[in-house]
């Protein structure tokens, strides 16, 4: 999967610096995404020497959205609906720098490039 992503992005002049993921099963109850630790996100911020408020997290999973908000990143939330449903935005912690909702990854990328 990642090889194809790298190839597709390279075809349009883009590059991926790193891919991060949680290697644990849900029953492991790790702290990679779970708040208050959000260890995986904090690892990414540390790796790229970036402040949370300057970081963008694109997420479709609610636990990742919560973690991104908890540490204060700029959240770009992907929704499954055909339109960006913001009804659950009020359920997200107010600690996010910003929260944007998008109906697709294409719409998200277009918004980020503006």
Protein backbone atom coordinates (compact mmCIF):
# COMPACT_ATOMS: atom_id res chain seq x y z
CA UNK A 1 0.00 0.00 0.00
CA UNK A 2 2.71 2.50 0.92
CA UNK A 3 4.77 1.77 -2.18
CA UNK A 4 1.81 2.69 -4.38
CA UNK A 5 1.17 5.83 -2.35
CA UNK A 6 4.83 6.89 -2.71
CA UNK A 7 4.71 6.20 -6.45
CA UNK A 8 1.45 8.10 -6.97
CA UNK A 9 2.68 11.08 -4.98
CA UNK A 10 6.05 11.14 -6.75
CA UNK A 11 4.21 11.28 -10.08
CA UNK A 12 2.82 14.69 -9.07
CA UNK A 13 6.03 15.92 -7.44
CA UNK A 14 5.13 15.16 -3.82
CA UNK A 15 7.17 13.26 -1.25
CA UNK A 16 6.34 11.48 2.00
CA UNK A 17 8.92 12.06 4.72
CA UNK A 18 7.62 9.35 7.05
CA UNK A 19 4.68 7.07 7.74
CA UNK A 20 3.66 6.47 11.34
CA UNK A 21 1.17 3.91 12.60
CA UNK A 22 0.15 2.16 15.79
CA UNK A 23 1.31 -1.48 15.61
CA UNK A 24 -0.90 -2.61 18.49
CA UNK A 25 -4.19 -4.50 18.50
CA UNK A 26 -7.18 -2.76 20.14
CA UNK A 27 -7.12 -5.22 23.02
CA UNK A 28 -3.55 -4.11 23.86
CA UNK A 29 -4.91 -0.78 25.17
CA UNK A 30 -1.72 1.01 24.18
CA UNK A 31 -1.12 4.72 24.64
CA UNK A 32 -0.24 5.42 20.98
CA UNK A 33 -3.50 7.25 20.35
CA UNK A 34 -5.25 7.14 23.71
CA UNK A 35 -5.43 10.41 25.57
CA UNK A 36 -3.94 11.92 27.58
CA UNK A 37 -0.73 10.34 26.26
CA UNK A 38 -1.28 10.39 22.48
CA UNK A 39 2.24 8.96 22.34
CA UNK A 40 2.29 8.40 18.58
CA UNK A 41 1.34 12.01 17.82
CA UNK A 42 3.85 13.29 20.34
CA UNK A 43 6.52 11.09 18.70
CA UNK A 44 5.73 12.66 15.33
CA UNK A 45 5.94 16.19 16.74
CA UNK A 46 9.28 15.36 18.35
CA UNK A 47 10.67 13.71 15.21
CA UNK A 48 9.93 16.80 13.12
CA UNK A 49 10.64 19.31 15.92
CA UNK A 50 7.18 20.84 15.49
CA UNK A 51 4.83 22.52 17.94
CA UNK A 52 1.38 20.94 18.18
CA UNK A 53 -0.40 24.16 17.16
CA UNK A 54 1.55 24.18 13.88
CA UNK A 55 0.89 20.50 13.10
CA UNK A 56 -1.95 19.24 10.91
CA UNK A 57 -3.62 15.91 11.66
CA UNK A 58 -5.91 14.38 9.03
CA UNK A 59 -8.11 11.75 10.67
CA UNK A 60 -11.24 9.76 10.07
CA UNK A 61 -11.08 7.76 13.31
CA UNK A 62 -12.74 9.33 16.30
CA UNK A 63 -10.00 8.23 18.78
CA UNK A 64 -7.34 9.89 16.60
CA UNK A 65 -9.49 13.02 16.31
CA UNK A 66 -9.78 13.15 20.11
CA UNK A 67 -6.01 12.66 20.50
CA UNK A 68 -5.26 15.37 17.92
CA UNK A 69 -7.55 17.79 19.73
CA UNK A 70 -6.15 16.84 23.12
CA UNK A 71 -2.59 17.82 22.22
CA UNK A 72 -3.68 20.98 20.38
CA UNK A 73 -3.09 20.26 16.69
CA UNK A 74 -4.99 21.59 13.69
CA UNK A 75 -7.47 18.80 12.96
CA UNK A 76 -8.79 18.07 9.48
CA UNK A 77 -11.57 15.58 10.10
CA UNK A 78 -12.67 13.23 7.32
CA UNK A 79 -16.32 12.27 7.34
CA UNK A 80 -17.94 9.26 5.70
CA UNK A 81 -20.92 11.26 4.50
CA UNK A 82 -21.16 12.90 1.10
CA UNK A 83 -21.10 16.28 2.80
CA UNK A 84 -18.89 17.46 5.62
CA UNK A 85 -20.95 16.63 8.71
CA UNK A 86 -19.91 18.88 11.56
CA UNK A 87 -22.48 17.60 14.08
CA UNK A 88 -19.83 15.72 16.05
CA UNK A 89 -17.42 18.67 16.12
CA UNK A 90 -19.04 19.85 19.36
CA UNK A 91 -18.18 16.49 20.95
CA UNK A 92 -14.48 17.03 20.23
CA UNK A 93 -12.33 18.73 22.88
CA UNK A 94 -11.98 22.48 22.48
CA UNK A 95 -8.20 22.17 22.84
CA UNK A 96 -7.63 21.73 19.11
CA UNK A 97 -6.06 24.73 17.41
CA UNK A 98 -8.71 24.41 14.68
CA UNK A 99 -11.17 21.78 13.46
CA UNK A 100 -12.19 21.45 9.82
CA UNK A 101 -14.44 18.74 8.37
CA UNK A 102 -14.15 17.37 4.83
CA UNK A 103 -16.22 14.82 2.92
CA UNK A 104 -13.20 13.33 1.14
CA UNK A 105 -9.41 13.25 1.16
CA UNK A 106 -9.44 15.24 -2.10
CA UNK A 107 -11.50 18.00 -0.45
CA UNK A 108 -9.14 17.93 2.53
CA UNK A 109 -6.03 18.27 0.34
CA UNK A 110 -7.62 21.08 -1.64
CA UNK A 111 -8.36 22.95 1.61
CA UNK A 112 -4.82 22.41 2.89
CA UNK A 113 -3.33 23.73 -0.35
CA UNK A 114 -5.27 26.99 -0.20
